[in-house]
């Protein structure tokens, strides 16, 4: 629900900016500073970048935020054992892991998810 509210907020602000651009263009036309064509061009010059910006902001709001362990899903790692416990070395950090595959020290794996504080991995 937060995303919908933030998107509506962005569109609201951009609509207000487009209205201001329209008022400026109309005022310049009304006081004979610009011709109707020039006023329309000024309005478009002010509004089109706002629409482009709105699209980019909405795309940014719709992207999933990947931080922490979730950012490792889909990345490759190297198997490391400490004692009999399975760990993977991913981006220079050791993480506890679990796998259904038979793994040896040094095998390359890909992270498929997480469960119970461990990364789930499968052999590449």
Protein backbone atom coordinates (compact mmCIF):
# COMPACT_ATOMS: atom_id res chain seq x y z
CA UNK A 1 0.00 0.00 0.00
CA UNK A 2 2.94 2.30 0.65
CA UNK A 3 4.01 2.08 -3.00
CA UNK A 4 0.56 3.09 -4.26
CA UNK A 5 0.52 6.04 -1.89
CA UNK A 6 4.00 7.15 -2.93
CA UNK A 7 3.12 6.84 -6.64
CA UNK A 8 -0.03 8.89 -6.09
CA UNK A 9 2.07 11.45 -4.22
CA UNK A 10 4.54 11.67 -7.10
CA UNK A 11 1.76 12.05 -9.67
CA UNK A 12 0.09 14.67 -7.50
CA UNK A 13 3.26 16.75 -7.34
CA UNK A 14 3.87 16.42 -11.06
CA UNK A 15 0.28 17.37 -11.86
CA UNK A 16 0.71 20.48 -9.74
CA UNK A 17 3.93 21.30 -11.63
CA UNK A 18 2.17 20.79 -14.98
CA UNK A 19 -0.64 23.13 -13.86
CA UNK A 20 1.93 25.76 -12.88
CA UNK A 21 3.60 25.36 -16.29
CA UNK A 22 0.22 25.78 -17.96
CA UNK A 23 -0.61 28.89 -15.92
CA UNK A 24 2.78 30.43 -16.77
CA UNK A 25 2.33 29.69 -20.47
CA UNK A 26 -1.23 31.07 -20.43
CA UNK A 27 -0.17 34.22 -18.55
CA UNK A 28 2.60 34.88 -21.06
CA UNK A 29 0.08 34.48 -23.89
CA UNK A 30 -2.60 36.55 -22.12
CA UNK A 31 -0.24 39.50 -21.60
CA UNK A 32 0.83 39.29 -25.25
CA UNK A 33 4.37 38.26 -24.38
CA UNK A 34 4.01 35.07 -26.46
CA UNK A 35 1.89 33.96 -29.37
CA UNK A 36 -0.42 30.96 -28.84
CA UNK A 37 2.07 28.70 -30.61
CA UNK A 38 4.95 29.93 -28.47
CA UNK A 39 2.87 29.49 -25.31
CA UNK A 40 2.09 25.91 -26.33
CA UNK A 41 5.77 25.22 -27.01
CA UNK A 42 6.73 26.66 -23.60
CA UNK A 43 4.06 24.50 -21.94
CA UNK A 44 5.36 21.38 -23.71
CA UNK A 45 8.97 22.23 -22.92
CA UNK A 46 8.06 22.50 -19.24
CA UNK A 47 5.68 19.50 -19.13
CA UNK A 48 7.36 16.77 -21.22
CA UNK A 49 10.42 16.51 -18.93
CA UNK A 50 8.05 16.31 -15.97
CA UNK A 51 6.24 13.36 -17.55
CA UNK A 52 9.57 11.65 -18.25
CA UNK A 53 10.61 12.26 -14.64
CA UNK A 54 7.29 10.86 -13.39
CA UNK A 55 7.81 7.68 -15.40
CA UNK A 56 11.31 7.20 -13.99
CA UNK A 57 10.16 7.86 -10.42
CA UNK A 58 7.30 5.38 -10.74
CA UNK A 59 9.65 2.74 -12.17
CA UNK A 60 11.99 3.31 -9.22
CA UNK A 61 9.09 2.90 -6.78
CA UNK A 62 8.00 -0.38 -8.40
CA UNK A 63 11.42 -2.04 -8.12
CA UNK A 64 11.91 -4.52 -5.32
CA UNK A 65 14.42 -3.43 -2.77
CA UNK A 66 17.15 -6.01 -2.39
CA UNK A 67 19.28 -5.66 0.70
CA UNK A 68 20.96 -8.11 3.00
CA UNK A 69 20.55 -11.81 2.32
CA UNK A 70 17.92 -11.24 -0.40
CA UNK A 71 20.53 -9.50 -2.53
CA UNK A 72 22.54 -12.76 -2.72
CA UNK A 73 19.79 -14.78 -4.45
CA UNK A 74 20.97 -15.72 -7.94
CA UNK A 75 24.63 -14.99 -7.23
CA UNK A 76 27.47 -17.49 -7.34
CA UNK A 77 29.45 -18.52 -4.27
CA UNK A 78 32.20 -20.94 -3.32
CA UNK A 79 31.71 -23.80 -0.86
CA UNK A 80 33.71 -23.76 2.35
CA UNK A 81 33.48 -26.12 5.30
CA UNK A 82 34.19 -25.21 8.90
CA UNK A 83 34.27 -28.49 10.70
CA UNK A 84 31.34 -30.41 9.27
CA UNK A 85 29.16 -27.36 8.76
CA UNK A 86 28.53 -26.07 5.25
CA UNK A 87 29.33 -22.43 4.55
CA UNK A 88 29.54 -20.46 1.33
CA UNK A 89 31.92 -17.63 0.57
CA UNK A 90 29.94 -14.96 -1.23
CA UNK A 91 31.38 -11.51 -1.88
CA UNK A 92 34.07 -12.15 0.72
CA UNK A 93 31.66 -13.14 3.50
CA UNK A 94 31.05 -16.59 4.95
CA UNK A 95 27.40 -17.55 5.30
CA UNK A 96 25.93 -20.77 6.71
CA UNK A 97 24.27 -22.73 3.95
CA UNK A 98 22.25 -25.84 3.17
CA UNK A 99 22.00 -27.88 0.00
CA UNK A 100 20.48 -31.12 -1.25
CA UNK A 101 23.53 -31.63 -3.50
CA UNK A 102 26.75 -33.36 -2.49
CA UNK A 103 29.26 -30.55 -2.21
CA UNK A 104 33.02 -30.47 -1.73
CA UNK A 105 35.25 -27.67 -0.57
CA UNK A 106 35.79 -25.24 -3.46
CA UNK A 107 32.68 -26.22 -5.48
CA UNK A 108 30.84 -23.39 -7.20
CA UNK A 109 27.19 -22.96 -6.19
CA UNK A 110 24.38 -20.52 -6.85
CA UNK A 111 22.21 -19.11 -4.07
CA UNK A 112 18.55 -20.04 -4.61
CA UNK A 113 17.00 -18.61 -1.45
CA UNK A 114 17.21 -18.61 2.31
CA UNK A 115 15.64 -20.54 5.17
CA UNK A 116 16.22 -20.76 8.91
CA UNK A 117 19.06 -18.25 8.81
CA UNK A 118 20.92 -20.19 6.12
CA UNK A 119 21.38 -19.65 2.42
CA UNK A 120 19.95 -22.35 0.19
CA UNK A 121 22.37 -23.27 -2.57
CA UNK A 122 22.63 -25.68 -5.47
CA UNK A 123 25.64 -26.90 -7.38
CA UNK A 124 26.36 -25.21 -10.70
